[in-house]
Structures are given as structure tokens and as C-alpha cells.
Amino acid sequence: MIDILGRAGHLKEAYTFLVNMPVEADAIMWRTLLSACNVHDINDLSGVGGKVRQKLLELEPRRSGNFVMVANMYAEAGLWEKAAHVRNNMRDTGLKKMAGESCLEIGGSIFRFFSGDDFKLAYKDIFFLLDRLNLHINDE
């Protein structure tokens, strides 16, 4: 429900739903709403987005992805000093941004790709397999 309301831009309703649930909301629910705040209301960092940001960082103070999301929200709103403060706080506490990862299973083999990896050797093979996968999906 939080995701549905958030995607529709009903941030206040999603927040109200979240805090009034009969069970304690977990970090995934808070992160989902923060993501919606990032999409729909980037400049309202003191309203719903601010409350959600604060709660998420309280729940998971060692999860670097939350800090990256918050820093990116500040940067997109043009609040460069606040974004830099969050990044510096990450560095000072030893948190590091994790590389993006994608996995692809083909023929029983799992291929893992990480952001920033050098795939010079396998580019042609990877794109050949992806083209075959696209053809197969289109046929289905």
C-alpha cells in the first residue's frame, strides 16, 4: 500500500498509513516511501521526506545505501552543502557506497556484473547472449 500511494504521489497518505499500521514498519517500508519522496517531492525535505529520512537513518544507521539516497536527494534539490555533509559523515563513520550488481542466469550458469568492472574480454559474448535472450523473450 505504501508503494502504491507513493507511486501515485500521495506522500502524506502513505506516511499516515505507515505510522498508523497495527505493526511496526520496517526499514524497507520507510525506504520505499523515501524513494517516492525523492521522485515526487524533492524540494519538501522538511515535510514528509524529512520525517521519513530521519526515521530510516535511525532504523539503519550503518546501511550506506540509505545515506547515498539522502545525499542524492539533497544534491538533486541543489542543497550541495547538506549533500556534502552526508557524504562526509559516511566517510567519517567508515561507510562506503556498494557497487551496483546485476546477475544473469544462462544455461545453468550465473553471471555477475558489478558497476565499474572491466569486461573488455567478454563484451561481445555478453551482448550476443543478451541479444539471444531478447529474441527468446520476444518469441514467448
C-alpha atoms as a PDB file:
ATOM      1  CA  MET A   1       0.000   0.000   0.000  1.00  0.00           C
ATOM      2  CA  ILE A   2       2.898   2.350   0.800  1.00  0.00           C
ATOM      3  CA  ASP A   3       4.387   1.731  -2.628  1.00  0.00           C
ATOM      4  CA  ILE A   4       1.049   2.258  -4.387  1.00  0.00           C
ATOM      5  CA  LEU A   5       0.324   5.513  -2.575  1.00  0.00           C
ATOM      6  CA  GLY A   6       3.905   6.685  -3.002  1.00  0.00           C
ATOM      7  CA  ARG A   7       3.997   5.973  -6.726  1.00  0.00           C
ATOM      8  CA  ALA A   8       0.748   7.903  -7.111  1.00  0.00           C
ATOM      9  CA  GLY A   9       2.335  10.880  -5.346  1.00  0.00           C
ATOM     10  CA  HIS A  10       0.116  10.622  -2.257  1.00  0.00           C
ATOM     11  CA  LEU A  11       3.035  11.021   0.119  1.00  0.00           C
ATOM     12  CA  LYS A  12       1.125  12.313   3.137  1.00  0.00           C
ATOM     13  CA  GLU A  13      -1.398   9.490   2.869  1.00  0.00           C
ATOM     14  CA  ALA A  14       1.404   6.937   2.551  1.00  0.00           C
ATOM     15  CA  TYR A  15       3.144   8.412   5.599  1.00  0.00           C
ATOM     16  CA  THR A  16      -0.086   8.367   7.623  1.00  0.00           C
ATOM     17  CA  PHE A  17      -0.715   4.763   6.598  1.00  0.00           C
ATOM     18  CA  LEU A  18       2.846   3.834   7.571  1.00  0.00           C
ATOM     19  CA  VAL A  19       2.794   5.363  11.058  1.00  0.00           C
ATOM     20  CA  ASN A  20      -0.718   4.095  11.844  1.00  0.00           C
ATOM     21  CA  MET A  21      -0.206   0.469  10.838  1.00  0.00           C
ATOM     22  CA  PRO A  22      -1.001  -2.062  13.579  1.00  0.00           C
ATOM     23  CA  VAL A  23       2.539  -3.473  13.213  1.00  0.00           C
ATOM     24  CA  GLU A  24       5.886  -1.682  13.400  1.00  0.00           C
ATOM     25  CA  ALA A  25       7.055  -0.571   9.961  1.00  0.00           C
ATOM     26  CA  ASP A  26      10.426  -1.976   8.908  1.00  0.00           C
ATOM     27  CA  ALA A  27      13.229  -0.201   7.091  1.00  0.00           C
ATOM     28  CA  ILE A  28      12.092  -1.499   3.695  1.00  0.00           C
ATOM     29  CA  MET A  29       8.759   0.279   4.100  1.00  0.00           C
ATOM     30  CA  TRP A  30      10.469   3.509   5.124  1.00  0.00           C
ATOM     31  CA  ARG A  31      12.936   3.219   2.232  1.00  0.00           C
ATOM     32  CA  THR A  32      10.052   2.679  -0.197  1.00  0.00           C
ATOM     33  CA  LEU A  33       8.398   5.881   0.973  1.00  0.00           C
ATOM     34  CA  LEU A  34      11.684   7.799   0.880  1.00  0.00           C
ATOM     35  CA  SER A  35      12.134   6.707  -2.718  1.00  0.00           C
ATOM     36  CA  ALA A  36       8.661   8.015  -3.550  1.00  0.00           C
ATOM     37  CA  CYS A  37       9.503  11.301  -1.821  1.00  0.00           C
ATOM     38  CA  ASN A  38      12.598  11.520  -3.975  1.00  0.00           C
ATOM     39  CA  VAL A  39      10.538  11.065  -7.137  1.00  0.00           C
ATOM     40  CA  HIS A  40       7.551  13.264  -6.315  1.00  0.00           C
ATOM     41  CA  ASP A  41       8.534  15.917  -3.830  1.00  0.00           C
ATOM     42  CA  ILE A  42      12.258  16.558  -3.983  1.00  0.00           C
ATOM     43  CA  ASN A  43      12.011  20.066  -2.519  1.00  0.00           C
ATOM     44  CA  ASP A  44       9.946  19.110   0.542  1.00  0.00           C
ATOM     45  CA  LEU A  45      12.905  17.872   2.564  1.00  0.00           C
ATOM     46  CA  SER A  46      11.468  19.271   5.791  1.00  0.00           C
ATOM     47  CA  GLY A  47       7.993  17.737   5.353  1.00  0.00           C
ATOM     48  CA  VAL A  48       7.198  14.065   4.789  1.00  0.00           C
ATOM     49  CA  GLY A  49      10.570  13.450   3.128  1.00  0.00           C
ATOM     50  CA  GLY A  50      12.417  14.858   6.133  1.00  0.00           C
ATOM     51  CA  LYS A  51      10.489  12.718   8.614  1.00  0.00           C
ATOM     52  CA  VAL A  52      10.966   9.593   6.519  1.00  0.00           C
ATOM     53  CA  ARG A  53      14.671  10.304   6.023  1.00  0.00           C
ATOM     54  CA  GLN A  54      15.217  10.771   9.754  1.00  0.00           C
ATOM     55  CA  LYS A  55      13.347   7.572  10.690  1.00  0.00           C
ATOM     56  CA  LEU A  56      15.170   5.481   8.092  1.00  0.00           C
ATOM     57  CA  LEU A  57      18.585   6.669   9.251  1.00  0.00           C
ATOM     58  CA  GLU A  58      17.570   5.880  12.860  1.00  0.00           C
ATOM     59  CA  LEU A  59      16.483   2.352  11.892  1.00  0.00           C
ATOM     60  CA  GLU A  60      19.560   1.568   9.806  1.00  0.00           C
ATOM     61  CA  PRO A  61      22.429   3.847  10.801  1.00  0.00           C
ATOM     62  CA  ARG A  62      25.024   1.549   9.200  1.00  0.00           C
ATOM     63  CA  ARG A  63      23.371   0.976   5.799  1.00  0.00           C
ATOM     64  CA  SER A  64      25.321   3.019   3.288  1.00  0.00           C
ATOM     65  CA  GLY A  65      22.586   2.914   0.632  1.00  0.00           C
ATOM     66  CA  ASN A  66      20.285   4.984   2.839  1.00  0.00           C
ATOM     67  CA  PHE A  67      22.918   7.686   3.195  1.00  0.00           C
ATOM     68  CA  VAL A  68      23.581   7.664  -0.547  1.00  0.00           C
ATOM     69  CA  MET A  69      19.854   8.099  -1.208  1.00  0.00           C
ATOM     70  CA  VAL A  70      19.672  11.000   1.247  1.00  0.00           C
ATOM     71  CA  ALA A  71      22.796  12.672  -0.188  1.00  0.00           C
ATOM     72  CA  ASN A  72      21.379  12.309  -3.703  1.00  0.00           C
ATOM     73  CA  MET A  73      18.080  13.867  -2.594  1.00  0.00           C
ATOM     74  CA  TYR A  74      19.947  16.874  -1.221  1.00  0.00           C
ATOM     75  CA  ALA A  75      22.048  17.168  -4.367  1.00  0.00           C
ATOM     76  CA  GLU A  76      19.008  16.989  -6.655  1.00  0.00           C
ATOM     77  CA  ALA A  77      17.377  19.746  -4.597  1.00  0.00           C
ATOM     78  CA  GLY A  78      20.507  21.868  -5.035  1.00  0.00           C
ATOM     79  CA  LEU A  79      21.441  21.624  -1.352  1.00  0.00           C
ATOM     80  CA  TRP A  80      25.095  20.878  -2.041  1.00  0.00           C
ATOM     81  CA  GLU A  81      26.382  21.623   1.465  1.00  0.00           C
ATOM     82  CA  LYS A  82      23.923  19.188   3.024  1.00  0.00           C
ATOM     83  CA  ALA A  83      24.773  16.550   0.412  1.00  0.00           C
ATOM     84  CA  ALA A  84      28.480  17.001   1.133  1.00  0.00           C
ATOM     85  CA  HIS A  85      27.811  16.783   4.882  1.00  0.00           C
ATOM     86  CA  VAL A  86      26.058  13.424   4.448  1.00  0.00           C
ATOM     87  CA  ARG A  87      28.893  12.114   2.237  1.00  0.00           C
ATOM     88  CA  ASN A  88      31.497  13.335   4.748  1.00  0.00           C
ATOM     89  CA  ASN A  89      29.539  11.699   7.569  1.00  0.00           C
ATOM     90  CA  MET A  90      29.626   8.421   5.622  1.00  0.00           C
ATOM     91  CA  ARG A  91      33.373   8.704   5.151  1.00  0.00           C
ATOM     92  CA  ASP A  92      33.994   9.647   8.796  1.00  0.00           C
ATOM     93  CA  THR A  93      32.000   6.655  10.050  1.00  0.00           C
ATOM     94  CA  GLY A  94      33.644   4.257   7.606  1.00  0.00           C
ATOM     95  CA  LEU A  95      30.581   3.651   5.437  1.00  0.00           C
ATOM     96  CA  LYS A  96      31.206   3.055   1.742  1.00  0.00           C
ATOM     97  CA  LYS A  97      28.851   3.008  -1.196  1.00  0.00           C
ATOM     98  CA  MET A  98      28.496  -0.516  -2.510  1.00  0.00           C
ATOM     99  CA  ALA A  99      28.877  -1.145  -6.220  1.00  0.00           C
ATOM    100  CA  GLY A 100      25.749  -1.875  -8.224  1.00  0.00           C
ATOM    101  CA  GLU A 101      25.331  -5.535  -9.093  1.00  0.00           C
ATOM    102  CA  SER A 102      23.331  -7.435 -11.683  1.00  0.00           C
ATOM    103  CA  CYS A 103      23.015 -11.174 -12.163  1.00  0.00           C
ATOM    104  CA  LEU A 104      22.060 -13.148 -15.229  1.00  0.00           C
ATOM    105  CA  GLU A 105      21.473 -16.905 -15.391  1.00  0.00           C
ATOM    106  CA  ILE A 106      22.028 -18.559 -18.744  1.00  0.00           C
ATOM    107  CA  GLY A 107      22.182 -22.284 -19.316  1.00  0.00           C
ATOM    108  CA  GLY A 108      22.563 -23.041 -15.621  1.00  0.00           C
ATOM    109  CA  SER A 109      25.488 -20.638 -15.227  1.00  0.00           C
ATOM    110  CA  ILE A 110      25.190 -17.425 -13.221  1.00  0.00           C
ATOM    111  CA  PHE A 111      26.984 -14.342 -14.474  1.00  0.00           C
ATOM    112  CA  ARG A 112      27.522 -11.468 -12.019  1.00  0.00           C
ATOM    113  CA  PHE A 113      28.272  -7.942 -13.169  1.00  0.00           C
ATOM    114  CA  PHE A 114      29.432  -5.115 -10.926  1.00  0.00           C
ATOM    115  CA  SER A 115      29.390  -1.418 -11.634  1.00  0.00           C
ATOM    116  CA  GLY A 116      32.854  -0.334 -12.657  1.00  0.00           C
ATOM    117  CA  ASP A 117      34.065  -3.806 -13.608  1.00  0.00           C
ATOM    118  CA  ASP A 118      36.155  -4.127 -16.749  1.00  0.00           C
ATOM    119  CA  PHE A 119      34.524  -6.566 -19.165  1.00  0.00           C
ATOM    120  CA  LYS A 120      36.752  -5.942 -22.188  1.00  0.00           C
ATOM    121  CA  LEU A 121      37.195  -9.649 -22.796  1.00  0.00           C
ATOM    122  CA  ALA A 122      33.548 -10.579 -22.639  1.00  0.00           C
ATOM    123  CA  TYR A 123      31.699  -7.649 -24.250  1.00  0.00           C
ATOM    124  CA  LYS A 124      30.913  -9.494 -27.484  1.00  0.00           C
ATOM    125  CA  ASP A 125      29.848 -12.668 -25.671  1.00  0.00           C
ATOM    126  CA  ILE A 126      27.680 -10.748 -23.220  1.00  0.00           C
ATOM    127  CA  PHE A 127      25.913  -8.740 -25.901  1.00  0.00           C
ATOM    128  CA  PHE A 128      25.455 -11.873 -28.028  1.00  0.00           C
ATOM    129  CA  LEU A 129      23.789 -13.636 -25.090  1.00  0.00           C
ATOM    130  CA  LEU A 130      21.627 -10.597 -24.329  1.00  0.00           C
ATOM    131  CA  ASP A 131      20.514 -10.417 -27.968  1.00  0.00           C
ATOM    132  CA  ARG A 132      19.590 -14.112 -27.863  1.00  0.00           C
ATOM    133  CA  LEU A 133      17.731 -13.557 -24.596  1.00  0.00           C
ATOM    134  CA  ASN A 134      15.781 -10.654 -26.140  1.00  0.00           C
ATOM    135  CA  LEU A 135      14.850 -12.772 -29.158  1.00  0.00           C
ATOM    136  CA  HIS A 136      13.689 -15.584 -26.882  1.00  0.00           C
ATOM    137  CA  ILE A 137      11.592 -13.193 -24.775  1.00  0.00           C
ATOM    138  CA  ASN A 138      10.025 -11.660 -27.881  1.00  0.00           C
ATOM    139  CA  ASP A 139       9.191 -15.134 -29.232  1.00  0.00           C
ATOM    140  CA  GLU A 140       7.443 -16.022 -25.991  1.00  0.00           C
END
